Amino acid sequence: MTTRLDFLKGKLIVSCQALENEPLHSPYIMSRMALAAAQGGAVAIRANSVVDIDAIQHQVALPVIGIIKRDYPDSEVFITATLREVNELMTVEPTIIALDATDRPRPGGQTLAALVAQIRERYPTLLLMADISSVSEAVTAQELDFDCVGTTLYGYTRETAGHKLPENDCQFLREVVAAVSIPVVAEGNVETPELAARCLEIGAHTIVVGGAITRPQQITGRFAAAIQAQSTDGA
């Protein structure tokens, strides 16, 4: 099946994000991280906030998957939760906008269907990515005419807490791929090149890698933990 996302098929997307409490939080640093990702072979960037996306677009010519993370008091949904965030993102016109497409209550009681209808009316050519945490949410996203679904939120909702994408040879990814015909983006805890290749083998359309490439505090933590474990074993 030919889709508007064929330019991403079998390729790597790098997520360049750092929140306010993280040491690399800076539009300049994220733009340089995106440049490093581009030089390493990434074909697109996923980024959070208008200022980061603007800086990245001035640094690299790659497509951007844009999001805005914002907390709302009446909802656990925080990734591009309302039309407000979409309108803000469209001031820098990312190629794709991703939004939380879980079945959790949304800010103001709005339904996902209503939000998608608003977006499609205002920005009819915009590519939309659904960040989901369950197979049923993936199916709903396809029914709502999302262009692709990502496993981004698997393990990050109350119902999926404690789970990770690599479990049982990526069983969750397998189930999503089998359930929908739109492109599936493997995202979340893809920590090694071997796992990324395995996700493609299973049927993912493309791969998003974030922390394993762009969060040095997490990378350092894995090394430190492994060394500590070895030191303890050898004591």
Protein backbone atom coordinates (compact mmCIF):
# COMPACT_ATOMS: atom_id res chain seq x y z
CA MET A 1 0.00 0.00 0.00
CA THR A 2 1.39 3.40 -1.00
CA THR A 3 1.10 6.11 1.63
CA ARG A 4 2.23 9.69 2.07
CA LEU A 5 4.70 8.34 4.61
CA ASP A 6 6.68 6.15 2.23
CA PHE A 7 9.67 8.50 2.59
CA LEU A 8 10.06 7.13 6.14
CA LYS A 9 9.72 3.45 5.32
CA GLY A 10 12.54 1.37 6.75
CA LYS A 11 14.37 4.43 8.04
CA LEU A 12 15.37 5.98 11.38
CA ILE A 13 13.71 8.93 13.10
CA VAL A 14 15.55 10.47 16.04
CA SER A 15 13.66 12.12 18.88
CA CYS A 16 15.50 15.24 20.05
CA GLN A 17 13.80 16.29 23.25
CA ALA A 18 14.92 17.62 26.62
CA LEU A 19 12.43 18.84 29.19
CA GLU A 20 13.01 21.77 31.53
CA ASN A 21 14.39 19.55 34.29
CA GLU A 22 16.94 17.91 32.00
CA PRO A 23 20.54 19.09 31.53
CA LEU A 24 20.33 19.51 27.75
CA HIS A 25 17.16 21.61 27.78
CA SER A 26 17.85 24.26 25.12
CA PRO A 27 16.63 24.92 21.57
CA TYR A 28 20.24 25.43 20.49
CA ILE A 29 21.37 22.11 21.94
CA MET A 30 18.40 20.27 20.41
CA SER A 31 19.19 21.82 17.02
CA ARG A 32 22.77 20.57 17.24
CA MET A 33 21.53 17.18 18.38
CA ALA A 34 19.32 17.11 15.29
CA LEU A 35 22.32 17.99 13.12
CA ALA A 36 24.30 15.12 14.65
CA ALA A 37 21.34 12.79 14.02
CA ALA A 38 21.14 13.94 10.41
CA GLN A 39 24.84 13.36 9.89
CA GLY A 40 24.40 9.90 11.39
CA GLY A 41 21.68 8.95 8.92
CA ALA A 42 18.37 9.93 10.49
CA VAL A 43 15.71 10.87 7.92
CA ALA A 44 13.42 12.80 10.28
CA ILE A 45 13.36 14.36 13.74
CA ARG A 46 10.71 14.22 16.46
CA ALA A 47 10.76 17.36 18.62
CA ASN A 48 8.83 19.05 21.40
CA SER A 49 7.84 22.75 21.44
CA VAL A 50 7.68 25.50 18.86
CA VAL A 51 11.03 26.99 19.86
CA ASP A 52 12.89 23.68 19.55
CA ILE A 53 11.29 22.86 16.21
CA ASP A 54 12.09 26.32 14.84
CA ALA A 55 15.73 25.97 15.89
CA ILE A 56 15.93 22.47 14.41
CA GLN A 57 14.42 23.59 11.11
CA HIS A 58 17.08 26.29 10.83
CA GLN A 59 19.77 23.66 11.36
CA VAL A 60 18.63 20.70 9.25
CA ALA A 61 16.40 20.16 6.24
CA LEU A 62 14.79 17.00 7.61
CA PRO A 63 11.04 16.53 8.15
CA VAL A 64 9.93 17.10 11.73
CA ILE A 65 7.32 15.27 13.78
CA GLY A 66 6.13 18.03 16.07
CA ILE A 67 4.56 17.77 19.49
CA ILE A 68 3.88 20.03 22.45
CA LYS A 69 3.91 18.50 25.91
CA ARG A 70 1.61 20.43 28.24
CA ASP A 71 -0.07 19.40 31.47
CA TYR A 72 -3.79 19.99 31.99
CA PRO A 73 -5.38 19.75 35.46
CA ASP A 74 -8.37 17.69 34.32
CA SER A 75 -6.57 15.12 32.17
CA GLU A 76 -3.56 12.79 32.03
CA VAL A 77 -3.25 13.49 28.30
CA PHE A 78 -0.29 15.80 27.72
CA ILE A 79 1.10 15.23 24.21
CA THR A 80 -0.54 17.73 21.83
CA ALA A 81 -3.70 17.46 23.87
CA THR A 82 -5.89 20.14 22.25
CA LEU A 83 -6.31 22.27 19.15
CA ARG A 84 -4.39 25.01 20.96
CA GLU A 85 -1.18 22.99 20.71
CA VAL A 86 -1.83 22.11 17.05
CA ASN A 87 -2.36 25.77 16.18
CA GLU A 88 0.89 26.68 17.94
CA LEU A 89 2.80 23.95 16.12
CA MET A 90 1.45 25.06 12.76
CA THR A 91 3.23 28.39 13.16
CA VAL A 92 6.38 26.41 12.29
CA GLU A 93 4.60 23.88 10.05
CA PRO A 94 6.11 20.52 10.99
CA THR A 95 5.62 17.79 8.40
CA ILE A 96 3.75 15.61 10.89
CA ILE A 97 2.03 16.38 14.18
CA ALA A 98 1.74 13.61 16.77
CA LEU A 99 -0.90 13.61 19.45
CA ASP A 100 -1.95 11.42 22.32
CA ALA A 101 -4.58 9.08 20.90
CA THR A 102 -5.16 7.03 24.04
CA ASP A 103 -8.69 6.48 25.31
CA ARG A 104 -8.06 8.53 28.45
CA PRO A 105 -10.34 11.53 29.16
CA ARG A 106 -9.07 14.59 27.34
CA PRO A 107 -8.85 18.20 28.55
CA GLY A 108 -12.23 19.86 28.73
CA GLY A 109 -13.99 16.56 28.06
CA GLN A 110 -13.36 16.78 24.32
CA THR A 111 -13.32 13.51 22.41
CA LEU A 112 -10.44 12.42 20.22
CA ALA A 113 -12.84 12.21 17.27
CA ALA A 114 -13.89 15.82 17.76
CA LEU A 115 -10.29 17.00 17.96
CA VAL A 116 -9.29 15.14 14.81
CA ALA A 117 -12.30 16.59 12.98
CA GLN A 118 -11.22 20.10 14.01
CA ILE A 119 -7.67 19.49 12.83
CA ARG A 120 -8.77 18.00 9.49
CA GLU A 121 -11.09 20.94 8.84
CA ARG A 122 -8.43 23.54 9.58
CA TYR A 123 -5.36 21.73 8.21
CA PRO A 124 -6.63 19.19 5.66
CA THR A 125 -3.22 18.18 4.29
CA LEU A 126 -1.46 17.79 7.63
CA LEU A 127 -0.08 14.34 8.43
CA LEU A 128 -1.26 13.07 11.82
CA MET A 129 0.44 10.48 13.99
CA ALA A 130 -1.46 8.75 16.80
CA ASP A 131 0.55 8.00 19.94
CA ILE A 132 -1.20 4.94 21.37
CA SER A 133 -0.83 2.48 24.24
CA SER A 134 -3.14 -0.38 23.21
CA VAL A 135 -4.23 -2.32 20.16
CA SER A 136 -7.79 -1.02 20.45
CA GLU A 137 -6.49 2.56 20.43
CA ALA A 138 -4.54 1.80 17.25
CA VAL A 139 -7.68 0.48 15.59
CA THR A 140 -9.63 3.56 16.67
CA ALA A 141 -6.88 5.82 15.32
CA GLN A 142 -7.12 4.13 11.94
CA GLU A 143 -10.89 4.56 11.97
CA LEU A 144 -10.40 8.27 12.73
CA ASP A 145 -8.18 8.63 9.64
CA PHE A 146 -4.80 9.10 11.32
CA ASP A 147 -1.96 8.64 8.86
CA CYS A 148 0.09 6.42 11.17
CA VAL A 149 0.16 5.03 14.69
CA GLY A 150 3.08 4.93 17.08
CA THR A 151 3.62 2.67 20.07
CA THR A 152 4.88 5.72 21.94
CA LEU A 153 2.69 5.49 25.02
CA TYR A 154 2.85 1.74 25.64
CA GLY A 155 4.13 1.49 29.19
CA TYR A 156 3.27 5.11 29.99
CA THR A 157 -0.41 4.82 30.90
CA ARG A 158 -1.88 3.40 34.10
CA GLU A 159 -3.11 0.33 32.26
CA THR A 160 0.28 -0.42 30.67
CA ALA A 161 2.61 0.74 33.44
CA GLY A 162 5.59 -1.54 33.87
CA HIS A 163 5.50 -2.83 30.30
CA LYS A 164 8.08 -2.10 27.60
CA LEU A 165 7.98 -2.52 23.85
CA PRO A 166 10.80 -5.14 23.70
CA GLU A 167 8.92 -7.58 25.96
CA ASN A 168 8.29 -11.04 24.52
CA ASP A 169 10.08 -10.22 21.27
CA CYS A 170 7.99 -7.08 20.77
CA GLN A 171 4.66 -8.86 21.13
CA PHE A 172 2.74 -5.60 21.46
CA LEU A 173 4.24 -4.27 18.24
CA ARG A 174 3.28 -7.52 16.50
CA GLU A 175 -0.31 -7.14 17.65
CA VAL A 176 -0.54 -3.54 16.48
CA VAL A 177 0.95 -4.36 13.08
CA ALA A 178 -1.58 -7.19 12.67
CA ALA A 179 -4.52 -5.00 13.70
CA VAL A 180 -4.11 -2.00 11.37
CA SER A 181 -3.20 -1.35 7.75
CA ILE A 182 -1.78 2.17 8.21
CA PRO A 183 1.96 2.55 8.91
CA VAL A 184 3.08 1.59 12.41
CA VAL A 185 5.89 3.53 14.05
CA ALA A 186 7.91 1.60 16.63
CA GLU A 187 8.72 4.02 19.43
CA GLY A 188 9.56 3.61 23.08
CA ASN A 189 12.56 1.87 24.67
CA VAL A 190 14.18 1.00 21.34
CA GLU A 191 17.58 0.99 22.98
CA THR A 192 19.82 -0.90 20.55
CA PRO A 193 20.43 -1.02 16.80
CA GLU A 194 19.59 -4.72 16.90
CA LEU A 195 16.18 -4.01 18.43
CA ALA A 196 15.49 -1.32 15.83
CA ALA A 197 16.26 -3.81 13.05
CA ARG A 198 14.06 -6.40 14.73
CA CYS A 199 11.13 -3.96 14.87
CA LEU A 200 11.43 -3.46 11.11
CA GLU A 201 11.58 -7.20 10.60
CA ILE A 202 8.38 -7.60 12.61
CA GLY A 203 6.61 -5.11 10.39
CA ALA A 204 7.14 -1.60 11.72
CA HIS A 205 7.09 1.03 8.98
CA THR A 206 9.75 3.16 10.67
CA ILE A 207 11.54 3.52 14.00
CA VAL A 208 11.80 6.41 16.45
CA VAL A 209 14.77 6.32 18.79
CA GLY A 210 15.10 8.93 21.50
CA GLY A 211 16.83 8.38 24.81
CA ALA A 212 19.28 5.79 23.52
CA ILE A 213 20.74 8.47 21.25
CA THR A 214 19.87 11.88 22.67
CA ARG A 215 19.69 11.58 26.48
CA PRO A 216 23.26 11.15 27.74
CA GLN A 217 22.14 10.99 31.37
CA GLN A 218 20.15 7.84 30.55
CA ILE A 219 22.97 6.34 28.50
CA THR A 220 25.44 7.05 31.30
CA GLY A 221 23.05 5.50 33.81
CA ARG A 222 22.96 2.22 31.88
CA PHE A 223 26.75 2.06 31.74
CA ALA A 224 27.05 2.96 35.42
CA ALA A 225 24.48 0.35 36.44
CA ALA A 226 26.21 -2.38 34.44
CA ILE A 227 29.61 -1.50 35.89
CA GLN A 228 28.19 -1.39 39.40
CA ALA A 229 26.58 -4.79 38.92
CA GLN A 230 29.85 -6.25 37.68
CA SER A 231 31.77 -4.71 40.58
CA THR A 232 29.27 -6.16 43.04
CA ASP A 233 29.42 -9.61 41.44
CA GLY A 234 33.20 -9.57 41.53
CA ALA A 235 33.49 -8.36 45.12
